[in-house]
PDB file of N, CA and C in Angstrom:
ATOM      1  N   MET A   1     -70.238  82.206  87.305  1.00  0.00           N
ATOM      2  CA  MET A   1     -71.646  82.111  87.869  1.00  0.00           C
ATOM      3  C   MET A   1     -71.862  82.804  87.060  1.00  0.00           C
ATOM      4  N   SER A   2     -72.583  82.240  85.521  1.00  0.00           N
ATOM      5  CA  SER A   2     -73.517  82.881  84.406  1.00  0.00           C
ATOM      6  C   SER A   2     -74.924  82.662  84.551  1.00  0.00           C
ATOM      7  N   HIS A   3     -75.444  83.905  84.249  1.00  0.00           N
ATOM      8  CA  HIS A   3     -76.727  84.000  84.677  1.00  0.00           C
ATOM      9  C   HIS A   3     -77.277  82.993  83.844  1.00  0.00           C
ATOM     10  N   MET A   4     -78.777  82.211  84.325  1.00  0.00           N
ATOM     11  CA  MET A   4     -79.052  80.999  83.846  1.00  0.00           C
ATOM     12  C   MET A   4     -79.695  81.317  82.122  1.00  0.00           C
ATOM     13  N   LEU A   5     -80.344  82.600  82.178  1.00  0.00           N
ATOM     14  CA  LEU A   5     -80.842  82.477  80.643  1.00  0.00           C
ATOM     15  C   LEU A   5     -80.248  83.734  80.040  1.00  0.00           C
ATOM     16  N   LEU A   6     -79.115  84.744  80.514  1.00  0.00           N
ATOM     17  CA  LEU A   6     -78.775  85.854  79.847  1.00  0.00           C
ATOM     18  C   LEU A   6     -77.292  85.579  80.205  1.00  0.00           C
ATOM     19  N   GLY A   7     -76.523  84.557  80.483  1.00  0.00           N
ATOM     20  CA  GLY A   7     -75.413  84.432  80.809  1.00  0.00           C
ATOM     21  C   GLY A   7     -74.267  84.594  79.618  1.00  0.00           C
ATOM     22  N   GLY A   8     -73.248  85.633  79.254  1.00  0.00           N
ATOM     23  CA  GLY A   8     -72.661  85.946  78.598  1.00  0.00           C
ATOM     24  C   GLY A   8     -73.128  87.232  77.349  1.00  0.00           C
ATOM     25  N   LYS A   9     -74.039  87.210  77.344  1.00  0.00           N
ATOM     26  CA  LYS A   9     -74.848  87.797  76.252  1.00  0.00           C
ATOM     27  C   LYS A   9     -75.154  89.368  76.299  1.00  0.00           C
ATOM     28  N   LEU A  10     -74.899  89.040  77.095  1.00  0.00           N
ATOM     29  CA  LEU A  10     -74.845  91.568  78.087  1.00  0.00           C
ATOM     30  C   LEU A  10     -73.247  91.684  78.360  1.00  0.00           C
ATOM     31  N   PRO A  11     -73.075  93.262  78.083  1.00  0.00           N
ATOM     32  CA  PRO A  11     -71.707  93.365  78.968  1.00  0.00           C
ATOM     33  C   PRO A  11     -71.581  93.176  80.179  1.00  0.00           C
ATOM     34  N   SER A  12     -70.339  92.677  80.781  1.00  0.00           N
ATOM     35  CA  SER A  12     -70.331  92.525  82.097  1.00  0.00           C
ATOM     36  C   SER A  12     -70.141  93.633  82.873  1.00  0.00           C
ATOM     37  N   PHE A  13     -70.192  94.837  82.653  1.00  0.00           N
ATOM     38  CA  PHE A  13     -70.504  96.092  83.622  1.00  0.00           C
ATOM     39  C   PHE A  13     -71.788  96.013  83.896  1.00  0.00           C
ATOM     40  N   LEU A  14     -72.830  95.052  83.634  1.00  0.00           N
ATOM     41  CA  LEU A  14     -74.271  94.914  84.182  1.00  0.00           C
ATOM     42  C   LEU A  14     -74.199  93.998  84.946  1.00  0.00           C
ATOM     43  N   GLY A  15     -73.318  93.392  85.309  1.00  0.00           N
ATOM     44  CA  GLY A  15     -73.182  92.412  86.573  1.00  0.00           C
ATOM     45  C   GLY A  15     -73.986  91.682  86.691  1.00  0.00           C
ATOM     46  N   PHE A  16     -74.627  90.651  85.011  1.00  0.00           N
ATOM     47  CA  PHE A  16     -75.715  89.475  85.445  1.00  0.00           C
ATOM     48  C   PHE A  16     -74.600  88.406  85.649  1.00  0.00           C
ATOM     49  N   ASP A  17     -73.344  88.058  85.124  1.00  0.00           N
ATOM     50  CA  ASP A  17     -72.357  86.776  85.592  1.00  0.00           C
ATOM     51  C   ASP A  17     -71.252  87.381  86.177  1.00  0.00           C
ATOM     52  N   ARG A  18     -71.057  86.683  87.254  1.00  0.00           N
ATOM     53  CA  ARG A  18     -70.218  86.726  87.825  1.00  0.00           C
ATOM     54  C   ARG A  18     -68.999  85.648  87.889  1.00  0.00           C
ATOM     55  N   GLY A  19     -67.239  86.088  88.600  1.00  0.00           N
ATOM     56  CA  GLY A  19     -67.070  84.796  87.946  1.00  0.00           C
ATOM     57  C   GLY A  19     -65.366  85.459  87.211  1.00  0.00           C
ATOM     58  N   PRO A  20     -64.784  84.917  86.905  1.00  0.00           N
ATOM     59  CA  PRO A  20     -64.697  83.174  87.124  1.00  0.00           C
ATOM     60  C   PRO A  20     -64.442  82.933  88.812  1.00  0.00           C
ATOM     61  N   ILE A  21     -64.889  81.928  88.881  1.00  0.00           N
ATOM     62  CA  ILE A  21     -65.051  81.263  90.764  1.00  0.00           C
ATOM     63  C   ILE A  21     -64.296  80.213  90.216  1.00  0.00           C
ATOM     64  N   ALA A  22     -62.867  79.920  91.306  1.00  0.00           N
ATOM     65  CA  ALA A  22     -62.740  78.239  91.438  1.00  0.00           C
ATOM     66  C   ALA A  22     -63.448  78.052  92.395  1.00  0.00           C
ATOM     67  N   ILE A  23     -63.975  76.804  92.022  1.00  0.00           N
ATOM     68  CA  ILE A  23     -64.515  75.594  93.173  1.00  0.00           C
ATOM     69  C   ILE A  23     -63.978  74.494  93.579  1.00  0.00           C
ATOM     70  N   LEU A  24     -63.881  74.231  94.784  1.00  0.00           N
ATOM     71  CA  LEU A  24     -63.070  73.445  95.470  1.00  0.00           C
ATOM     72  C   LEU A  24     -63.764  71.984  95.157  1.00  0.00           C
ATOM     73  N   GLY A  25     -63.176  70.748  95.044  1.00  0.00           N
ATOM     74  CA  GLY A  25     -63.415  69.415  95.233  1.00  0.00           C
ATOM     75  C   GLY A  25     -64.178  69.147  93.660  1.00  0.00           C
ATOM     76  N   ASN A  26     -64.756  67.428  93.632  1.00  0.00           N
ATOM     77  CA  ASN A  26     -65.336  67.079  92.650  1.00  0.00           C
ATOM     78  C   ASN A  26     -66.998  66.478  93.047  1.00  0.00           C
ATOM     79  N   ARG A  27     -67.272  65.940  92.430  1.00  0.00           N
ATOM     80  CA  ARG A  27     -68.757  65.396  92.672  1.00  0.00           C
ATOM     81  C   ARG A  27     -68.469  64.176  93.627  1.00  0.00           C
ATOM     82  N   ALA A  28     -67.430  63.760  94.163  1.00  0.00           N
ATOM     83  CA  ALA A  28     -67.163  62.921  95.359  1.00  0.00           C
ATOM     84  C   ALA A  28     -66.879  63.869  96.886  1.00  0.00           C
ATOM     85  N   THR A  29     -67.039  65.221  96.671  1.00  0.00           N
ATOM     86  CA  THR A  29     -66.495  65.781  98.138  1.00  0.00           C
ATOM     87  C   THR A  29     -67.677  66.673  98.406  1.00  0.00           C
ATOM     88  N   ILE A  30     -67.813  67.103  99.757  1.00  0.00           N
ATOM     89  CA  ILE A  30     -68.436  68.317 100.467  1.00  0.00           C
ATOM     90  C   ILE A  30     -68.519  69.244  99.370  1.00  0.00           C
ATOM     91  N   HIS A  31     -67.755  70.215  98.775  1.00  0.00           N
ATOM     92  CA  HIS A  31     -68.042  71.259  98.050  1.00  0.00           C
ATOM     93  C   HIS A  31     -68.107  70.585  96.655  1.00  0.00           C
ATOM     94  N   GLN A  32     -68.898  70.037  96.547  1.00  0.00           N
ATOM     95  CA  GLN A  32     -68.761  69.408  94.974  1.00  0.00           C
ATOM     96  C   GLN A  32     -68.667  70.498  93.734  1.00  0.00           C
ATOM     97  N   GLY A  33     -68.218  70.318  92.949  1.00  0.00           N
ATOM     98  CA  GLY A  33     -67.657  70.290  91.791  1.00  0.00           C
ATOM     99  C   GLY A  33     -67.943  69.916  90.352  1.00  0.00           C
ATOM    100  N   GLN A  34     -68.925  70.811  89.671  1.00  0.00           N
ATOM    101  CA  GLN A  34     -68.708  69.533  88.482  1.00  0.00           C
ATOM    102  C   GLN A  34     -68.926  70.561  87.151  1.00  0.00           C
ATOM    103  N   ILE A  35     -68.148  70.253  85.598  1.00  0.00           N
ATOM    104  CA  ILE A  35     -68.693  70.919  84.625  1.00  0.00           C
ATOM    105  C   ILE A  35     -68.484  70.028  83.748  1.00  0.00           C
ATOM    106  N   TYR A  36     -69.746  70.289  83.026  1.00  0.00           N
ATOM    107  CA  TYR A  36     -69.815  69.140  81.708  1.00  0.00           C
ATOM    108  C   TYR A  36     -70.693  69.890  80.810  1.00  0.00           C
ATOM    109  N   ARG A  37     -70.568  69.041  79.739  1.00  0.00           N
ATOM    110  CA  ARG A  37     -71.601  69.575  78.267  1.00  0.00           C
ATOM    111  C   ARG A  37     -72.763  68.649  78.466  1.00  0.00           C
ATOM    112  N   ALA A  38     -73.920  69.821  78.146  1.00  0.00           N
ATOM    113  CA  ALA A  38     -75.022  69.469  78.124  1.00  0.00           C
ATOM    114  C   ALA A  38     -76.042  70.716  77.286  1.00  0.00           C
ATOM    115  N   GLY A  39     -76.665  69.902  76.541  1.00  0.00           N
ATOM    116  CA  GLY A  39     -77.868  71.064  75.781  1.00  0.00           C
ATOM    117  C   GLY A  39     -76.614  71.551  75.103  1.00  0.00           C
ATOM    118  N   LYS A  40     -75.695  71.540  74.147  1.00  0.00           N
ATOM    119  CA  LYS A  40     -75.061  72.544  73.668  1.00  0.00           C
ATOM    120  C   LYS A  40     -74.285  73.803  74.116  1.00  0.00           C
ATOM    121  N   ARG A  41     -74.450  73.494  75.597  1.00  0.00           N
ATOM    122  CA  ARG A  41     -73.248  74.436  76.328  1.00  0.00           C
ATOM    123  C   ARG A  41     -72.657  74.416  77.553  1.00  0.00           C
ATOM    124  N   THR A  42     -71.531  74.749  77.943  1.00  0.00           N
ATOM    125  CA  THR A  42     -71.047  74.454  79.498  1.00  0.00           C
ATOM    126  C   THR A  42     -71.758  74.254  80.291  1.00  0.00           C
ATOM    127  N   THR A  43     -72.152  73.481  81.265  1.00  0.00           N
ATOM    128  CA  THR A  43     -72.744  73.617  82.364  1.00  0.00           C
ATOM    129  C   THR A  43     -71.784  73.229  83.699  1.00  0.00           C
ATOM    130  N   THR A  44     -72.215  73.945  84.887  1.00  0.00           N
ATOM    131  CA  THR A  44     -71.584  73.743  86.022  1.00  0.00           C
ATOM    132  C   THR A  44     -72.503  73.738  87.310  1.00  0.00           C
ATOM    133  N   PHE A  45     -72.461  72.488  87.850  1.00  0.00           N
ATOM    134  CA  PHE A  45     -73.093  72.738  89.218  1.00  0.00           C
ATOM    135  C   PHE A  45     -72.279  72.597  90.570  1.00  0.00           C
ATOM    136  N   CYS A  46     -72.846  73.241  91.899  1.00  0.00           N
ATOM    137  CA  CYS A  46     -71.935  73.169  93.294  1.00  0.00           C
ATOM    138  C   CYS A  46     -72.881  73.900  93.803  1.00  0.00           C
ATOM    139  N   PRO A  47     -72.639  73.674  95.396  1.00  0.00           N
ATOM    140  CA  PRO A  47     -73.514  73.907  96.555  1.00  0.00           C
ATOM    141  C   PRO A  47     -73.987  75.436  96.612  1.00  0.00           C
ATOM    142  N   SER A  48     -75.165  75.996  96.721  1.00  0.00           N
ATOM    143  CA  SER A  48     -74.457  77.475  96.700  1.00  0.00           C
ATOM    144  C   SER A  48     -75.402  78.131  98.006  1.00  0.00           C
ATOM    145  N   PHE A  49     -76.053  76.707  98.290  1.00  0.00           N
ATOM    146  CA  PHE A  49     -76.478  77.158  99.958  1.00  0.00           C
ATOM    147  C   PHE A  49     -75.880  76.246 100.758  1.00  0.00           C
ATOM    148  N   ARG A  50     -75.021  76.519 102.049  1.00  0.00           N
ATOM    149  CA  ARG A  50     -74.478  76.393 102.826  1.00  0.00           C
ATOM    150  C   ARG A  50     -75.065  76.292 104.044  1.00  0.00           C
ATOM    151  N   MET A  51     -75.064  75.432 104.947  1.00  0.00           N
ATOM    152  CA  MET A  51     -75.729  75.657 106.203  1.00  0.00           C
ATOM    153  C   MET A  51     -75.300  74.703 106.992  1.00  0.00           C
ATOM    154  N   VAL A  52     -74.942  75.459 108.533  1.00  0.00           N
ATOM    155  CA  VAL A  52     -73.641  74.616 109.325  1.00  0.00           C
ATOM    156  C   VAL A  52     -74.983  74.448 110.895  1.00  0.00           C
ATOM    157  N   MET A  53     -75.373  73.524 111.317  1.00  0.00           N
ATOM    158  CA  MET A  53     -75.824  73.770 112.701  1.00  0.00           C
ATOM    159  C   MET A  53     -75.141  72.976 113.788  1.00  0.00           C
ATOM    160  N   ASP A  54     -75.506  73.078 115.174  1.00  0.00           N
ATOM    161  CA  ASP A  54     -75.232  72.227 116.419  1.00  0.00           C
ATOM    162  C   ASP A  54     -76.502  71.889 117.019  1.00  0.00           C
ATOM    163  N   LEU A  55     -77.238  70.783 116.661  1.00  0.00           N
ATOM    164  CA  LEU A  55     -78.387  70.662 117.255  1.00  0.00           C
ATOM    165  C   LEU A  55     -78.362  70.828 118.816  1.00  0.00           C
ATOM    166  N   SER A  56     -77.527  70.929 119.487  1.00  0.00           N
ATOM    167  CA  SER A  56     -77.858  71.097 120.810  1.00  0.00           C
ATOM    168  C   SER A  56     -77.921  72.840 121.525  1.00  0.00           C
ATOM    169  N   THR A  57     -77.922  73.612 120.378  1.00  0.00           N
ATOM    170  CA  THR A  57     -78.454  74.680 120.144  1.00  0.00           C
ATOM    171  C   THR A  57     -79.131  75.438 119.322  1.00  0.00           C
ATOM    172  N   GLU A  58     -79.662  76.744 119.461  1.00  0.00           N
ATOM    173  CA  GLU A  58     -80.802  77.520 118.455  1.00  0.00           C
ATOM    174  C   GLU A  58     -79.883  78.489 117.362  1.00  0.00           C
ATOM    175  N   GLU A  59     -78.837  78.308 117.479  1.00  0.00           N
ATOM    176  CA  GLU A  59     -78.117  78.783 116.418  1.00  0.00           C
ATOM    177  C   GLU A  59     -77.764  77.940 114.700  1.00  0.00           C
ATOM    178  N   VAL A  60     -77.992  78.554 113.887  1.00  0.00           N
ATOM    179  CA  VAL A  60     -77.975  78.633 112.868  1.00  0.00           C
ATOM    180  C   VAL A  60     -76.894  79.072 111.580  1.00  0.00           C
ATOM    181  N   ARG A  61     -75.676  78.791 111.336  1.00  0.00           N
ATOM    182  CA  ARG A  61     -74.751  79.503 110.577  1.00  0.00           C
ATOM    183  C   ARG A  61     -75.379  78.740 109.147  1.00  0.00           C
ATOM    184  N   SER A  62     -75.382  80.176 107.758  1.00  0.00           N
ATOM    185  CA  SER A  62     -75.422  79.830 106.765  1.00  0.00           C
ATOM    186  C   SER A  62     -74.755  80.881 105.649  1.00  0.00           C
ATOM    187  N   ASN A  63     -74.633  80.621 104.967  1.00  0.00           N
ATOM    188  CA  ASN A  63     -74.259  81.455 103.752  1.00  0.00           C
ATOM    189  C   ASN A  63     -75.072  81.239 101.967  1.00  0.00           C
ATOM    190  N   LEU A  64     -75.062  82.119 101.500  1.00  0.00           N
ATOM    191  CA  LEU A  64     -76.191  82.090 100.555  1.00  0.00           C
ATOM    192  C   LEU A  64     -75.579  82.669  99.138  1.00  0.00           C
ATOM    193  N   ALA A  65     -74.787  82.004  98.144  1.00  0.00           N
ATOM    194  CA  ALA A  65     -74.212  82.610  97.365  1.00  0.00           C
ATOM    195  C   ALA A  65     -75.021  83.683  96.742  1.00  0.00           C
ATOM    196  N   GLY A  66     -75.440  83.796  96.222  1.00  0.00           N
ATOM    197  CA  GLY A  66     -76.513  84.780  95.489  1.00  0.00           C
ATOM    198  C   GLY A  66     -77.241  85.869  96.490  1.00  0.00           C
ATOM    199  N   GLY A  67     -77.956  85.430  97.775  1.00  0.00           N
ATOM    200  CA  GLY A  67     -77.909  86.816  98.301  1.00  0.00           C
ATOM    201  C   GLY A  67     -79.377  86.237  97.945  1.00  0.00           C
ATOM    202  N   PRO A  68     -80.032  87.320  98.978  1.00  0.00           N
ATOM    203  CA  PRO A  68     -81.491  86.939  99.507  1.00  0.00           C
ATOM    204  C   PRO A  68     -82.553  87.457  98.390  1.00  0.00           C
ATOM    205  N   SER A  69     -82.095  88.210  97.345  1.00  0.00           N
ATOM    206  CA  SER A  69     -82.642  88.330  95.718  1.00  0.00           C
ATOM    207  C   SER A  69     -82.347  88.114  94.309  1.00  0.00           C
ATOM    208  N   ASP A  70     -83.253  88.089  93.777  1.00  0.00           N
ATOM    209  CA  ASP A  70     -82.818  87.680  92.613  1.00  0.00           C
ATOM    210  C   ASP A  70     -83.092  88.654  91.316  1.00  0.00           C
ATOM    211  N   ARG A  71     -82.879  89.734  91.646  1.00  0.00           N
ATOM    212  CA  ARG A  71     -83.487  90.628  91.031  1.00  0.00           C
ATOM    213  C   ARG A  71     -82.407  91.392  90.920  1.00  0.00           C
ATOM    214  N   ARG A  72     -81.653  91.796  89.749  1.00  0.00           N
ATOM    215  CA  ARG A  72     -80.132  92.608  89.119  1.00  0.00           C
ATOM    216  C   ARG A  72     -80.033  93.053  89.765  1.00  0.00           C
ATOM    217  N   PHE A  73     -80.639  94.181  90.056  1.00  0.00           N
ATOM    218  CA  PHE A  73     -80.969  95.670  90.105  1.00  0.00           C
ATOM    219  C   PHE A  73     -80.816  96.295  91.823  1.00  0.00           C
ATOM    220  N   LEU A  74     -81.475  94.970  92.686  1.00  0.00           N
ATOM    221  CA  LEU A  74     -81.652  95.353  93.885  1.00  0.00           C
ATOM    222  C   LEU A  74     -79.794  95.468  94.723  1.00  0.00           C
ATOM    223  N   GLU A  75     -79.574  95.743  95.990  1.00  0.00           N
ATOM    224  CA  GLU A  75     -78.549  95.990  96.477  1.00  0.00           C
ATOM    225  C   GLU A  75     -78.292  94.446  96.800  1.00  0.00           C
ATOM    226  N   TRP A  76     -79.153  93.772  97.315  1.00  0.00           N
ATOM    227  CA  TRP A  76     -79.419  92.274  98.021  1.00  0.00           C
ATOM    228  C   TRP A  76     -78.842  91.587  96.657  1.00  0.00           C
ATOM    229  N   TYR A  77     -78.890  91.597  95.121  1.00  0.00           N
ATOM    230  CA  TYR A  77     -78.609  90.430  94.364  1.00  0.00           C
ATOM    231  C   TYR A  77     -77.235  90.229  94.338  1.00  0.00           C
ATOM    232  N   CYS A  78     -76.685  88.818  94.723  1.00  0.00           N
ATOM    233  CA  CYS A  78     -75.323  88.605  94.469  1.00  0.00           C
ATOM    234  C   CYS A  78     -74.524  89.384  95.977  1.00  0.00           C
ATOM    235  N   SER A  79     -75.438  89.288  96.932  1.00  0.00           N
ATOM    236  CA  SER A  79     -75.076  90.164  98.197  1.00  0.00           C
ATOM    237  C   SER A  79     -73.622  89.228  99.108  1.00  0.00           C
ATOM    238  N   GLY A  80     -74.213  88.143  99.194  1.00  0.00           N
ATOM    239  CA  GLY A  80     -73.548  86.931  99.549  1.00  0.00           C
ATOM    240  C   GLY A  80     -72.519  86.335  99.133  1.00  0.00           C
ATOM    241  N   LEU A  81     -72.035  86.709  97.773  1.00  0.00           N
ATOM    242  CA  LEU A  81     -71.094  85.868  97.031  1.00  0.00           C
ATOM    243  C   LEU A  81     -69.818  85.695  97.786  1.00  0.00           C
ATOM    244  N   GLU A  82     -69.242  87.152  98.139  1.00  0.00           N
ATOM    245  CA  GLU A  82     -67.712  87.141  98.796  1.00  0.00           C
ATOM    246  C   GLU A  82     -67.533  86.585  99.787  1.00  0.00           C
ATOM    247  N   GLY A  83     -68.644  86.598 100.701  1.00  0.00           N
ATOM    248  CA  GLY A  83     -68.864  85.750 101.928  1.00  0.00           C
ATOM    249  C   GLY A  83     -68.798  83.993 101.672  1.00  0.00           C
ATOM    250  N   TRP A  84     -69.245  83.701 100.395  1.00  0.00           N
ATOM    251  CA  TRP A  84     -69.352  82.557 100.389  1.00  0.00           C
ATOM    252  C   TRP A  84     -68.408  82.053  99.691  1.00  0.00           C
ATOM    253  N   ILE A  85     -67.428  82.756  98.848  1.00  0.00           N
ATOM    254  CA  ILE A  85     -66.237  82.367  98.514  1.00  0.00           C
ATOM    255  C   ILE A  85     -65.123  81.888  99.762  1.00  0.00           C
ATOM    256  N   LYS A  86     -65.436  83.404 100.500  1.00  0.00           N
ATOM    257  CA  LYS A  86     -64.426  82.872 101.683  1.00  0.00           C
ATOM    258  C   LYS A  86     -64.434  82.066 102.720  1.00  0.00           C
ATOM    259  N   GLY A  87     -66.270  81.412 102.591  1.00  0.00           N
ATOM    260  CA  GLY A  87     -66.719  80.545 103.851  1.00  0.00           C
ATOM    261  C   GLY A  87     -67.272  81.566 104.853  1.00  0.00           C
ATOM    262  N   ASP A  88     -67.549  82.378 104.822  1.00  0.00           N
ATOM    263  CA  ASP A  88     -68.131  83.165 105.969  1.00  0.00           C
ATOM    264  C   ASP A  88     -69.035  83.388 106.135  1.00  0.00           C
ATOM    265  N   TYR A  89     -69.826  82.377 107.068  1.00  0.00           N
ATOM    266  CA  TYR A  89     -71.399  82.364 107.806  1.00  0.00           C
ATOM    267  C   TYR A  89     -71.864  83.138 108.248  1.00  0.00           C
ATOM    268  N   LYS A  90     -72.972  83.728 108.016  1.00  0.00           N
ATOM    269  CA  LYS A  90     -73.776  84.466 108.581  1.00  0.00           C
ATOM    270  C   LYS A  90     -74.501  83.869 110.154  1.00  0.00           C
ATOM    271  N   THR A  91     -74.691  84.307 111.269  1.00  0.00           N
ATOM    272  CA  THR A  91     -75.540  83.337 112.325  1.00  0.00           C
ATOM    273  C   THR A  91     -76.257  83.830 112.759  1.00  0.00           C
ATOM    274  N   VAL A  92     -77.822  83.189 112.693  1.00  0.00           N
ATOM    275  CA  VAL A  92     -79.246  83.065 112.983  1.00  0.00           C
ATOM    276  C   VAL A  92     -79.569  82.636 114.166  1.00  0.00           C
ATOM    277  N   ARG A  93     -80.450  83.244 115.146  1.00  0.00           N
ATOM    278  CA  ARG A  93     -80.379  82.933 116.341  1.00  0.00           C
ATOM    279  C   ARG A  93     -81.927  83.325 116.269  1.00  0.00           C
ATOM    280  N   PRO A  94     -83.076  82.999 117.198  1.00  0.00           N
ATOM    281  CA  PRO A  94     -84.276  83.153 117.295  1.00  0.00           C
ATOM    282  C   PRO A  94     -84.453  84.894 118.021  1.00  0.00           C
ATOM    283  N   ASP A  95     -83.702  84.785 118.580  1.00  0.00           N
ATOM    284  CA  ASP A  95     -84.117  86.197 119.602  1.00  0.00           C
ATOM    285  C   ASP A  95     -83.025  87.298 118.930  1.00  0.00           C
ATOM    286  N   GLY A  96     -82.358  86.828 118.118  1.00  0.00           N
ATOM    287  CA  GLY A  96     -81.307  87.609 117.438  1.00  0.00           C
ATOM    288  C   GLY A  96     -82.106  88.772 116.463  1.00  0.00           C
ATOM    289  N   PRO A  97     -81.860  89.967 115.782  1.00  0.00           N
ATOM    290  CA  PRO A  97     -82.243  91.090 115.286  1.00  0.00           C
ATOM    291  C   PRO A  97     -82.907  90.398 113.899  1.00  0.00           C
ATOM    292  N   GLN A  98     -84.062  91.094 113.626  1.00  0.00           N
ATOM    293  CA  GLN A  98     -84.581  90.633 112.306  1.00  0.00           C
ATOM    294  C   GLN A  98     -84.635  91.180 111.186  1.00  0.00           C
ATOM    295  N   ARG A  99     -83.821  90.935 109.917  1.00  0.00           N
ATOM    296  CA  ARG A  99     -83.904  92.025 108.737  1.00  0.00           C
ATOM    297  C   ARG A  99     -84.939  91.937 108.087  1.00  0.00           C
ATOM    298  N   LYS A 100     -85.723  92.854 107.277  1.00  0.00           N
ATOM    299  CA  LYS A 100     -86.479  92.651 106.716  1.00  0.00           C
ATOM    300  C   LYS A 100     -85.630  92.365 105.240  1.00  0.00           C
ATOM    301  N   PHE A 101     -86.499  91.692 104.219  1.00  0.00           N
ATOM    302  CA  PHE A 101     -85.775  92.047 102.693  1.00  0.00           C
ATOM    303  C   PHE A 101     -87.096  92.103 101.867  1.00  0.00           C
ATOM    304  N   PRO A 102     -86.922  92.738 100.602  1.00  0.00           N
ATOM    305  CA  PRO A 102     -88.169  92.963  99.777  1.00  0.00           C
ATOM    306  C   PRO A 102     -88.849  91.503  99.305  1.00  0.00           C
TER     307      PRO A 102
END
């Protein structure tokens, strides 16, 4: 996972780029993943937000690779990446505790 603008241009200890991360599947599977050349650079895509729900309940299970913040130096930047890689989902219910993010 390379930063969209700064990918590979800054030292790795700053944490803008993550990985390499293996992505299962291809463009014909649910876990789509594709690597190709575009605009003179290697480009990849895959679903970064996953949501699973049973419509007979009020629960939603989801995970987001990037986490709830796009600001690199906040604690929530890429906070969901490990769970996304493992396939761990957070359960959200309308009566559950609410967590606020900036």
